[in-house]
Amino acid sequence: MSDPTIFEMSSPGRIGARFPEPDVPLAELPQEFLRENLPMPELSEIDVIRHFTNLSRKNYAIDVGFYPLGSCTMKYNPRVNEEMARLPGFAHTHPLQPIETVQGNLAMMYELQEWLKEISGFKAVTLQPAAGAQGEFTGVMIIRAYHRSRGDLQRTKIIIPDSAHGTNPATSAMSGFEVVPVPTDADGNVDMAALRAVCDEHVAGLMLTNPNTLGLFDCNVKEVVDLIHNCGGLVYGDGANLNALLGIVRPGDLGFDVMHYNLHKTFSTPHGGGGPGSGPVGVTEALAEFLPGPIAGIVEEGDEEMAPLYGWVMPAKSIGRVKSFFGQFGMMVRAYTYISMYGPDGMRSIAEHAVLNANYLLARLRDTYKVAYDRVCMHEFVLEGHFADAPEIHALDIAKRLIDYNIHPPTNYFPLIVKEALMIEPTETESKQVLDQFAEVMVKIAEEARTSPELLKSAPHNTPVGRLDEVKAARDLVLCCWVPDKA
């Protein structure tokens, strides 16, 4: 138990669980594996239930209030998705069952792949990667395998705009590439002059987040793609912000070669609940043979009387597995349910309302906060969380004060190219009333910054603990609250 208060509730003789008599012979436990001193709390079942229920009520979640966490698409997760993921045919199957017994599961995976291809404009999809970052790693490894298969070993560089997600440079470095950054121009697009200067025969590819972390669609995206292709490189699309594009723009049609999807962002189950994630990868026809496998496919065509037989297909030049078994299956069920219920028109509606909500909030706040790159945004936008007439107030103070108003703070200090950044993404699932309330609170906090700055500097005030020293917490990790009595 990590919470010391549960030991304070302990009382000798209380029993919280009773186990049936064992139906196998008892065996002696190896003494070298047993601790001499392992105190455990003695509690009734109701004590334990109340303890952990009370702890859970201290958590913040999308089911509790507004969660404008920029770049993370923390939208409402329809409960029907959870019901579908818990159907016995999905929840109680095992990945090692014979394929004849899981045809429904395989059919669902195959259709989900087909839908993701249609949504994005790619020719092939793998569902295997377990999260967005692993999808990135998979995509860059595919780029690497493609160049090596052609004997193009001099391609050692990946270009990354400074408005990209922070995982992009980490992914490139982990994959053995040299990271080449390029700056953002005055309008929030990739600086084309800087990009031309680094395009040469050593470029393996470019990782482009579009819309970028400023919440802006790059106006030069076609020119960017053409530049990279003309020097022999490939273009990776970071699909974390796909929520702004659904049904409107397909990255594959823009010339992207490979992209990951965040099923746990764009297609429900917001990842703030602790996971798991799911990061499928889509590719062009030229890269399909490098996808990690196996991939759900039709291994025997059906006819009027017989349904097709689904099974596993391994791409010819696959980079191999990137995840045990076949990916995060429950997340696939949720995404499949989400897409099937919305349909093509609904997908477009998601993006339209996400963009509308973001631009509405931007219009409400631009006169109170400085906007980093003030033009029509996509699904999110970035404000500067500081004021010339309240110099002691920082973005962190504004974020902490929002907690007092029962609003989860937006993303702080990212992207790094914006001073005191507050990155706000309202998503499509919030009503105008919620957006108005948030805007009014943000305006009020701006007033407090000037009239009562101590309120912000000492916030939050109504949480179980006050403001924590986050730098110290990161540097001096304490992973266990309970320290056994050495005596």
Protein backbone atom coordinates (compact mmCIF):
# COMPACT_ATOMS: atom_id res chain seq x y z
CA MET A 1 0.00 0.00 0.00
CA SER A 2 1.45 3.38 -0.96
CA ASP A 3 -0.82 5.52 1.23
CA PRO A 4 0.25 5.66 4.88
CA THR A 5 -3.25 6.65 6.08
CA ILE A 6 -4.53 3.16 5.39
CA PHE A 7 -2.18 1.89 8.10
CA GLU A 8 -3.70 4.36 10.55
CA MET A 9 -7.10 2.76 9.87
CA SER A 10 -5.78 -0.71 10.63
CA SER A 11 -7.25 -2.64 13.57
CA PRO A 12 -6.11 -6.14 14.62
CA GLY A 13 -8.46 -8.91 13.63
CA ARG A 14 -10.31 -7.16 10.82
CA ILE A 15 -10.58 -9.21 7.63
CA GLY A 16 -11.34 -7.73 4.23
CA ALA A 17 -11.35 -10.87 2.10
CA ARG A 18 -11.88 -14.57 2.61
CA PHE A 19 -10.40 -17.07 0.21
CA PRO A 20 -11.80 -20.54 -0.52
CA GLU A 21 -9.96 -23.60 0.67
CA PRO A 22 -7.21 -24.51 -1.84
CA ASP A 23 -7.97 -27.45 -4.12
CA VAL A 24 -4.29 -28.26 -4.68
CA PRO A 25 -1.66 -29.50 -2.21
CA LEU A 26 0.03 -26.76 -0.21
CA ALA A 27 3.74 -26.20 -0.78
CA GLU A 28 6.37 -24.60 1.39
CA LEU A 29 7.51 -21.18 0.23
CA PRO A 30 11.28 -20.72 -0.23
CA GLN A 31 12.42 -18.90 2.87
CA GLU A 32 14.99 -16.82 0.97
CA PHE A 33 12.16 -15.10 -0.88
CA LEU A 34 10.20 -14.14 2.24
CA ARG A 35 10.64 -10.89 4.11
CA GLU A 36 11.11 -11.07 7.83
CA ASN A 37 9.12 -7.89 8.36
CA LEU A 38 6.16 -7.14 6.09
CA PRO A 39 3.43 -5.36 8.06
CA MET A 40 0.10 -5.27 6.29
CA PRO A 41 -2.96 -3.28 7.38
CA GLU A 42 -5.86 -5.24 8.81
CA LEU A 43 -9.07 -3.77 7.43
CA SER A 44 -12.62 -4.76 6.68
CA GLU A 45 -13.87 -4.75 3.11
CA ILE A 46 -15.94 -1.61 3.66
CA ASP A 47 -12.87 0.19 5.10
CA VAL A 48 -10.92 -0.56 1.95
CA ILE A 49 -13.78 0.40 -0.38
CA ARG A 50 -14.35 3.72 1.38
CA HIS A 51 -10.63 4.50 1.47
CA PHE A 52 -10.04 4.04 -2.23
CA THR A 53 -13.38 5.57 -3.24
CA ASN A 54 -12.49 8.71 -1.28
CA LEU A 55 -9.07 8.78 -2.95
CA SER A 56 -10.68 8.46 -6.39
CA ARG A 57 -12.94 11.43 -5.68
CA LYS A 58 -9.84 13.58 -5.32
CA ASN A 59 -8.86 12.83 -8.93
CA TYR A 60 -9.64 15.22 -11.76
CA ALA A 61 -11.05 13.73 -14.96
CA ILE A 62 -12.95 14.63 -18.10
CA ASP A 63 -16.05 13.25 -16.33
CA VAL A 64 -15.60 15.87 -13.60
CA GLY A 65 -14.96 19.07 -15.53
CA PHE A 66 -13.37 20.93 -18.44
CA TYR A 67 -9.99 19.54 -19.49
CA PRO A 68 -8.41 21.91 -22.08
CA LEU A 69 -5.05 20.13 -22.18
CA GLY A 70 -3.41 21.38 -25.38
CA SER A 71 -2.12 18.80 -27.85
CA CYS A 72 -3.75 15.94 -25.94
CA THR A 73 -7.37 16.00 -27.20
CA MET A 74 -9.01 15.25 -23.87
CA LYS A 75 -12.53 14.89 -25.18
CA TYR A 76 -15.48 13.03 -23.72
CA ASN A 77 -15.36 9.27 -24.14
CA PRO A 78 -18.83 7.90 -25.03
CA ARG A 79 -19.86 5.15 -22.63
CA VAL A 80 -21.05 2.92 -25.46
CA ASN A 81 -17.37 2.43 -26.38
CA GLU A 82 -16.73 0.98 -22.93
CA GLU A 83 -19.73 -1.31 -23.23
CA MET A 84 -18.49 -2.67 -26.55
CA ALA A 85 -14.98 -3.27 -25.21
CA ARG A 86 -16.53 -5.31 -22.39
CA LEU A 87 -18.58 -7.62 -24.59
CA PRO A 88 -17.56 -11.21 -23.69
CA GLY A 89 -16.52 -11.99 -27.27
CA PHE A 90 -13.98 -9.16 -27.10
CA ALA A 91 -13.04 -9.04 -23.42
CA HIS A 92 -12.64 -12.78 -22.79
CA THR A 93 -10.60 -13.86 -25.80
CA HIS A 94 -6.89 -14.64 -25.79
CA PRO A 95 -4.43 -13.60 -28.51
CA LEU A 96 -3.12 -17.16 -28.83
CA GLN A 97 -6.50 -18.71 -29.59
CA PRO A 98 -6.82 -20.50 -32.96
CA ILE A 99 -7.86 -18.00 -35.62
CA GLU A 100 -11.00 -20.04 -36.35
CA THR A 101 -12.32 -19.10 -32.89
CA VAL A 102 -11.67 -15.36 -33.15
CA GLN A 103 -12.93 -14.50 -36.61
CA GLY A 104 -15.08 -11.69 -35.24
CA ASN A 105 -12.09 -10.09 -33.55
CA LEU A 106 -9.97 -10.34 -36.68
CA ALA A 107 -12.79 -8.99 -38.86
CA MET A 108 -13.08 -5.98 -36.54
CA MET A 109 -9.33 -5.33 -36.73
CA TYR A 110 -9.32 -5.68 -40.51
CA GLU A 111 -12.25 -3.27 -40.94
CA LEU A 112 -10.64 -0.78 -38.54
CA GLN A 113 -7.49 -0.87 -40.68
CA GLU A 114 -9.59 -0.20 -43.78
CA TRP A 115 -11.36 2.72 -42.12
CA LEU A 116 -8.10 4.27 -40.93
CA LYS A 117 -6.75 3.99 -44.48
CA GLU A 118 -9.80 5.78 -45.86
CA ILE A 119 -9.68 8.52 -43.20
CA SER A 120 -5.99 9.25 -43.79
CA GLY A 121 -5.44 8.47 -47.47
CA PHE A 122 -2.81 5.78 -46.87
CA LYS A 123 -2.59 2.39 -48.57
CA ALA A 124 -1.71 0.14 -45.61
CA VAL A 125 -2.06 0.24 -41.83
CA THR A 126 -0.68 -1.70 -38.88
CA LEU A 127 -2.51 -1.66 -35.55
CA GLN A 128 0.41 -3.03 -33.57
CA PRO A 129 2.10 0.02 -31.93
CA ALA A 130 0.93 0.50 -28.35
CA ALA A 131 1.03 4.31 -28.17
CA GLY A 132 1.71 7.44 -30.19
CA ALA A 133 5.40 7.54 -29.31
CA GLN A 134 5.78 3.89 -30.30
CA GLY A 135 3.94 4.69 -33.51
CA GLU A 136 6.49 7.43 -34.16
CA PHE A 137 9.34 5.01 -33.51
CA THR A 138 7.73 2.50 -35.86
CA GLY A 139 7.33 5.09 -38.61
CA VAL A 140 10.92 6.31 -38.40
CA MET A 141 12.22 2.72 -38.37
CA ILE A 142 10.19 2.11 -41.54
CA ILE A 143 11.85 5.17 -43.12
CA ARG A 144 15.22 3.78 -42.09
CA ALA A 145 14.42 0.32 -43.49
CA TYR A 146 13.22 1.83 -46.78
CA HIS A 147 16.46 3.73 -47.38
CA ARG A 148 18.62 0.75 -46.37
CA SER A 149 16.74 -1.56 -48.72
CA ARG A 150 17.78 0.76 -51.55
CA GLY A 151 21.40 0.90 -50.42
CA ASP A 152 20.91 4.56 -49.52
CA LEU A 153 23.10 4.42 -46.43
CA GLN A 154 24.25 8.04 -46.50
CA ARG A 155 20.84 9.26 -45.33
CA THR A 156 21.53 9.90 -41.67
CA LYS A 157 19.51 13.02 -40.87
CA ILE A 158 15.92 13.70 -39.84
CA ILE A 159 14.69 17.30 -40.10
CA ILE A 160 12.33 18.45 -37.34
CA PRO A 161 10.63 21.86 -37.12
CA ASP A 162 10.81 23.51 -33.72
CA SER A 163 7.00 23.55 -33.63
CA ALA A 164 6.84 19.74 -33.64
CA HIS A 165 5.91 17.51 -30.73
CA GLY A 166 8.73 16.90 -28.28
CA THR A 167 8.75 13.16 -28.92
CA ASN A 168 9.79 13.70 -32.55
CA PRO A 169 13.47 14.48 -31.89
CA ALA A 170 13.65 11.76 -29.23
CA THR A 171 12.23 9.22 -31.68
CA SER A 172 14.73 10.22 -34.38
CA ALA A 173 17.69 10.01 -32.02
CA MET A 174 16.57 6.62 -30.68
CA SER A 175 16.35 5.38 -34.26
CA GLY A 176 19.98 6.31 -34.90
CA PHE A 177 19.45 9.53 -36.85
CA GLU A 178 20.99 12.95 -36.43
CA VAL A 179 18.33 15.52 -35.55
CA VAL A 180 18.36 18.68 -37.67
CA PRO A 181 16.05 21.41 -36.29
CA VAL A 182 14.49 24.12 -38.45
CA PRO A 183 12.83 27.27 -37.05
CA THR A 184 9.32 28.65 -37.38
CA ASP A 185 8.69 31.79 -39.44
CA ALA A 186 6.77 34.87 -38.31
CA ASP A 187 3.44 33.35 -39.38
CA GLY A 188 3.88 30.08 -37.50
CA ASN A 189 4.85 27.98 -40.54
CA VAL A 190 8.07 26.10 -41.21
CA ASP A 191 10.75 28.60 -42.23
CA MET A 192 11.16 27.69 -45.90
CA ALA A 193 14.57 29.34 -46.34
CA ALA A 194 15.96 27.42 -43.37
CA LEU A 195 14.43 24.19 -44.69
CA ARG A 196 15.96 24.63 -48.15
CA ALA A 197 19.37 25.19 -46.55
CA VAL A 198 19.38 21.74 -44.89
CA CYS A 199 17.83 19.69 -47.70
CA ASP A 200 20.58 17.54 -49.19
CA GLU A 201 21.48 13.95 -50.04
CA HIS A 202 21.91 13.08 -46.34
CA VAL A 203 18.26 13.71 -45.43
CA ALA A 204 16.31 10.56 -44.62
CA GLY A 205 13.13 12.43 -43.88
CA LEU A 206 11.24 15.15 -42.08
CA MET A 207 8.85 14.75 -39.14
CA LEU A 208 6.04 17.27 -39.50
CA THR A 209 3.30 17.92 -36.96
CA ASN A 210 0.44 19.47 -38.95
CA PRO A 211 -1.48 21.21 -37.51
CA ASN A 212 1.60 22.04 -35.47
CA THR A 213 1.86 22.60 -31.74
CA LEU A 214 0.93 26.24 -32.23
CA GLY A 215 -2.45 24.99 -33.43
CA LEU A 216 -1.75 26.23 -36.96
CA PHE A 217 -2.09 24.47 -40.30
CA ASP A 218 1.16 24.99 -42.20
CA CYS A 219 0.29 27.05 -45.27
CA ASN A 220 3.38 25.74 -47.06
CA VAL A 221 2.76 22.06 -46.42
CA LYS A 222 2.75 21.03 -50.09
CA GLU A 223 5.99 22.93 -50.73
CA VAL A 224 7.55 21.37 -47.63
CA VAL A 225 6.61 17.87 -48.81
CA ASP A 226 7.92 18.52 -52.32
CA LEU A 227 11.24 19.85 -50.99
CA ILE A 228 11.84 16.70 -48.95
CA HIS A 229 10.80 14.37 -51.74
CA ASN A 230 12.98 16.20 -54.25
CA CYS A 231 16.06 15.60 -52.13
CA GLY A 232 15.19 11.91 -51.77
CA GLY A 233 13.71 11.98 -48.27
CA LEU A 234 10.37 10.82 -46.87
CA VAL A 235 7.82 12.81 -44.89
CA TYR A 236 6.54 11.55 -41.54
CA GLY A 237 3.25 12.99 -40.29
CA ASP A 238 2.74 13.23 -36.55
CA GLY A 239 -0.95 12.33 -36.34
CA ALA A 240 -1.52 13.46 -32.76
CA ASN A 241 -3.48 16.47 -34.02
CA LEU A 242 -5.60 14.55 -36.52
CA ASN A 243 -8.75 15.62 -34.67
CA ALA A 244 -8.60 18.91 -36.59
CA LEU A 245 -8.50 17.25 -40.01
CA LEU A 246 -11.06 14.42 -39.91
CA GLY A 247 -13.17 14.35 -43.07
CA ILE A 248 -11.55 17.55 -44.36
CA VAL A 249 -7.92 16.80 -45.24
CA ARG A 250 -6.23 13.43 -45.71
CA PRO A 251 -2.49 13.52 -44.93
CA GLY A 252 -1.83 10.87 -47.57
CA ASP A 253 -3.33 13.17 -50.20
CA LEU A 254 -0.93 15.93 -49.11
CA GLY A 255 2.04 13.69 -49.91
CA PHE A 256 2.89 12.33 -46.46
CA ASP A 257 4.56 8.93 -46.62
CA VAL A 258 3.92 7.61 -43.13
CA MET A 259 1.88 8.73 -40.12
CA HIS A 260 0.79 7.44 -36.75
CA TYR A 261 -2.73 7.79 -35.40
CA ASN A 262 -3.57 8.21 -31.73
CA LEU A 263 -6.63 6.03 -31.28
CA HIS A 264 -6.66 7.16 -27.65
CA LYS A 265 -6.95 10.84 -28.66
CA THR A 266 -8.76 11.18 -31.96
CA PHE A 267 -11.00 8.14 -31.69
CA SER A 268 -12.02 8.29 -28.01
CA THR A 269 -10.69 7.01 -24.70
CA PRO A 270 -8.69 10.13 -23.82
CA HIS A 271 -5.35 9.00 -22.48
CA GLY A 272 -5.42 11.08 -19.31
CA GLY A 273 -7.05 8.12 -17.60
CA GLY A 274 -3.68 6.44 -17.48
CA GLY A 275 -3.86 4.41 -20.65
CA PRO A 276 -3.43 2.17 -22.38
CA GLY A 277 -2.73 3.96 -25.64
CA SER A 278 -2.78 2.79 -29.22
CA GLY A 279 -0.70 4.22 -32.05
CA PRO A 280 -1.42 2.53 -35.41
CA VAL A 281 0.72 3.54 -38.37
CA GLY A 282 -0.39 4.20 -41.94
CA VAL A 283 1.95 4.21 -44.95
CA THR A 284 2.01 4.64 -48.71
CA GLU A 285 2.06 1.65 -51.04
CA ALA A 286 5.85 1.94 -51.39
CA LEU A 287 6.31 1.45 -47.64
CA ALA A 288 3.65 -1.21 -47.01
CA GLU A 289 6.12 -4.10 -47.17
CA PHE A 290 8.10 -2.65 -44.24
CA LEU A 291 5.21 -2.46 -41.75
CA PRO A 292 5.56 -4.37 -38.46
CA GLY A 293 3.54 -7.53 -38.44
CA PRO A 294 1.65 -9.69 -38.37
CA ILE A 295 -1.29 -7.65 -39.67
CA ALA A 296 -4.93 -8.73 -39.76
CA GLY A 297 -5.83 -9.71 -43.32
CA ILE A 298 -8.06 -11.88 -45.48
CA VAL A 299 -6.27 -15.21 -45.98
CA GLU A 300 -9.10 -16.88 -47.87
CA GLU A 301 -11.67 -15.05 -49.95
CA GLY A 302 -15.32 -15.69 -49.19
CA ASP A 303 -18.25 -16.17 -51.53
CA GLU A 304 -22.04 -15.89 -51.44
CA GLU A 305 -22.27 -18.74 -48.95
CA MET A 306 -19.07 -18.37 -46.95
CA ALA A 307 -17.63 -15.34 -45.20
CA PRO A 308 -13.95 -14.61 -45.83
CA LEU A 309 -11.42 -16.24 -43.53
CA TYR A 310 -9.35 -13.71 -41.59
CA GLY A 311 -5.86 -14.42 -40.36
CA TRP A 312 -2.39 -12.94 -39.98
CA VAL A 313 -0.27 -11.60 -42.82
CA MET A 314 3.42 -10.71 -42.50
CA PRO A 315 4.75 -7.95 -44.79
CA ALA A 316 7.60 -9.09 -47.03
CA LYS A 317 10.29 -6.79 -45.58
CA SER A 318 8.74 -6.17 -42.19
CA ILE A 319 10.78 -4.35 -39.55
CA GLY A 320 9.46 -7.03 -37.17
CA ARG A 321 7.26 -6.79 -34.12
CA VAL A 322 7.09 -3.62 -32.07
CA LYS A 323 4.58 -4.96 -29.54
CA SER A 324 3.83 -8.30 -27.94
CA PHE A 325 0.91 -10.09 -29.54
CA PHE A 326 -1.10 -7.76 -31.81
CA GLY A 327 -1.49 -4.39 -30.09
CA GLN A 328 -3.89 -2.89 -27.53
CA PHE A 329 -7.02 -4.78 -28.55
CA GLY A 330 -9.49 -3.03 -26.22
CA MET A 331 -8.49 0.33 -27.64
CA MET A 332 -9.18 -0.95 -31.13
CA VAL A 333 -12.71 -1.98 -30.12
CA ARG A 334 -13.37 1.49 -28.69
CA ALA A 335 -12.06 3.22 -31.82
CA TYR A 336 -14.04 0.88 -34.09
CA THR A 337 -17.22 1.67 -32.15
CA TYR A 338 -16.51 5.39 -32.22
CA ILE A 339 -15.88 5.55 -35.97
CA SER A 340 -18.82 3.31 -36.86
CA MET A 341 -21.26 5.40 -34.82
CA TYR A 342 -20.11 8.73 -36.27
CA GLY A 343 -19.70 7.64 -39.88
CA PRO A 344 -18.11 9.82 -42.61
CA ASP A 345 -20.29 12.88 -42.01
CA GLY A 346 -19.80 12.61 -38.27
CA MET A 347 -16.03 12.44 -38.66
CA ARG A 348 -16.08 15.75 -40.51
CA SER A 349 -18.39 17.23 -37.90
CA ILE A 350 -15.88 16.34 -35.16
CA ALA A 351 -13.15 18.36 -36.86
CA GLU A 352 -15.42 21.28 -37.75
CA HIS A 353 -16.65 21.68 -34.19
CA ALA A 354 -13.17 21.23 -32.69
CA VAL A 355 -11.88 24.03 -34.91
CA LEU A 356 -14.95 26.19 -34.25
CA ASN A 357 -14.61 25.82 -30.47
CA ALA A 358 -10.92 26.69 -30.54
CA ASN A 359 -11.43 29.79 -32.64
CA TYR A 360 -14.35 30.91 -30.47
CA LEU A 361 -12.19 30.70 -27.34
CA LEU A 362 -9.34 32.45 -29.13
CA ALA A 363 -11.66 35.32 -30.06
CA ARG A 364 -12.84 35.59 -26.45
CA LEU A 365 -9.31 35.69 -25.01
CA ARG A 366 -7.12 37.52 -27.53
CA ASP A 367 -7.89 40.93 -26.02
CA THR A 368 -6.85 39.75 -22.54
CA TYR A 369 -3.85 37.54 -23.31
CA LYS A 370 -1.20 37.92 -25.96
CA VAL A 371 -1.56 35.35 -28.75
CA ALA A 372 1.75 33.89 -29.88
CA TYR A 373 0.82 33.63 -33.58
CA ASP A 374 -2.48 35.42 -34.05
CA ARG A 375 -4.25 33.93 -37.03
CA VAL A 376 -7.07 31.47 -37.59
CA CYS A 377 -6.18 28.38 -35.60
CA MET A 378 -7.18 24.77 -35.96
CA HIS A 379 -8.11 22.67 -32.92
CA GLU A 380 -5.94 24.53 -30.38
CA PHE A 381 -4.09 27.78 -29.83
CA VAL A 382 -1.25 29.12 -27.67
CA LEU A 383 -1.44 32.15 -25.39
CA GLU A 384 1.40 33.83 -23.51
CA GLY A 385 0.77 33.56 -19.78
CA HIS A 386 2.39 36.76 -18.58
CA PHE A 387 1.52 40.46 -18.35
CA ALA A 388 3.72 43.54 -18.65
CA ASP A 389 1.91 45.19 -15.73
CA ALA A 390 2.11 42.04 -13.54
CA PRO A 391 5.68 40.89 -14.15
CA GLU A 392 5.81 38.51 -11.18
CA ILE A 393 3.02 36.34 -12.61
CA HIS A 394 3.93 33.38 -14.82
CA ALA A 395 2.02 30.79 -16.85
CA LEU A 396 2.37 28.30 -14.00
CA ASP A 397 0.58 30.70 -11.62
CA ILE A 398 -2.33 31.04 -14.03
CA ALA A 399 -2.50 27.27 -14.43
CA LYS A 400 -2.52 26.65 -10.68
CA ARG A 401 -5.21 29.29 -10.14
CA LEU A 402 -7.46 27.56 -12.70
CA ILE A 403 -7.58 24.55 -10.36
CA ASP A 404 -9.36 26.70 -7.78
CA TYR A 405 -12.12 27.21 -10.35
CA ASN A 406 -12.42 23.45 -10.94
CA ILE A 407 -10.82 23.64 -14.38
CA HIS A 408 -7.88 21.48 -15.38
CA PRO A 409 -4.92 23.64 -16.45
CA PRO A 410 -3.93 23.73 -20.12
CA THR A 411 -0.52 22.51 -21.21
CA ASN A 412 2.20 24.75 -19.73
CA TYR A 413 5.50 25.88 -21.25
CA PHE A 414 5.00 24.03 -24.53
CA PRO A 415 5.75 24.63 -27.31
CA LEU A 416 9.12 25.89 -26.16
CA ILE A 417 9.22 28.57 -28.87
CA VAL A 418 6.48 30.56 -27.06
CA LYS A 419 7.34 32.52 -23.93
CA GLU A 420 5.24 31.42 -20.90
CA ALA A 421 3.12 29.23 -23.17
CA LEU A 422 -0.44 28.21 -22.32
CA MET A 423 -1.57 25.68 -24.92
CA ILE A 424 -5.37 25.35 -24.98
CA GLU A 425 -7.46 22.71 -26.77
CA PRO A 426 -11.20 22.76 -26.01
CA THR A 427 -12.12 19.79 -28.30
CA GLU A 428 -15.46 19.39 -30.05
CA THR A 429 -17.36 17.90 -27.12
CA GLU A 430 -17.62 21.06 -25.01
CA SER A 431 -20.67 23.33 -25.16
CA LYS A 432 -20.67 27.09 -25.66
CA GLN A 433 -21.67 27.47 -22.01
CA VAL A 434 -18.56 25.62 -20.86
CA LEU A 435 -16.36 27.65 -23.19
CA ASP A 436 -17.88 30.90 -21.95
CA GLN A 437 -17.33 29.88 -18.36
CA PHE A 438 -13.67 29.08 -19.08
CA ALA A 439 -13.17 32.39 -20.91
CA GLU A 440 -14.72 34.32 -18.03
CA VAL A 441 -12.46 32.56 -15.53
CA MET A 442 -9.38 33.30 -17.64
CA VAL A 443 -10.34 36.98 -17.80
CA LYS A 444 -10.93 37.04 -14.05
CA ILE A 445 -7.53 35.45 -13.39
CA ALA A 446 -5.90 38.10 -15.58
CA GLU A 447 -7.56 40.75 -13.39
CA GLU A 448 -6.40 38.96 -10.23
CA ALA A 449 -2.85 38.93 -11.59
CA ARG A 450 -2.87 42.70 -11.41
CA THR A 451 -4.97 43.29 -8.28
CA SER A 452 -4.22 40.25 -6.08
CA PRO A 453 -1.12 38.53 -7.45
CA GLU A 454 -0.64 36.63 -4.18
CA LEU A 455 -3.79 34.63 -4.99
CA LEU A 456 -2.09 33.26 -8.08
CA LYS A 457 1.36 32.82 -6.56
CA SER A 458 -0.04 30.67 -3.73
CA ALA A 459 -2.65 28.74 -5.75
CA PRO A 460 -4.20 26.23 -5.63
CA HIS A 461 -6.05 26.78 -2.35
CA ASN A 462 -8.82 24.16 -2.28
CA THR A 463 -6.93 20.97 -3.07
CA PRO A 464 -5.77 18.26 -0.63
CA VAL A 465 -2.22 19.62 -0.96
CA GLY A 466 -1.02 23.08 -1.89
CA ARG A 467 1.49 23.98 -4.56
CA LEU A 468 4.24 21.41 -4.81
CA ASP A 469 7.88 21.95 -5.65
CA GLU A 470 7.75 20.28 -9.03
CA VAL A 471 11.45 20.70 -9.77
CA LYS A 472 12.41 19.05 -6.49
CA ALA A 473 9.85 16.28 -7.06
CA ALA A 474 11.41 15.50 -10.44
CA ARG A 475 14.95 15.53 -9.11
CA ASP A 476 14.31 13.80 -5.78
CA LEU A 477 11.89 11.01 -6.59
CA VAL A 478 10.03 9.32 -3.73
CA LEU A 479 8.22 6.37 -5.25
CA CYS A 480 6.99 4.81 -2.00
CA CYS A 481 5.30 6.68 0.85
CA TRP A 482 5.73 3.83 3.33
CA VAL A 483 9.13 3.03 4.77
CA PRO A 484 9.22 -0.20 6.84
CA ASP A 485 10.35 0.02 10.45
CA LYS A 486 13.95 -1.19 10.39
CA ALA A 487 13.79 -1.89 14.10
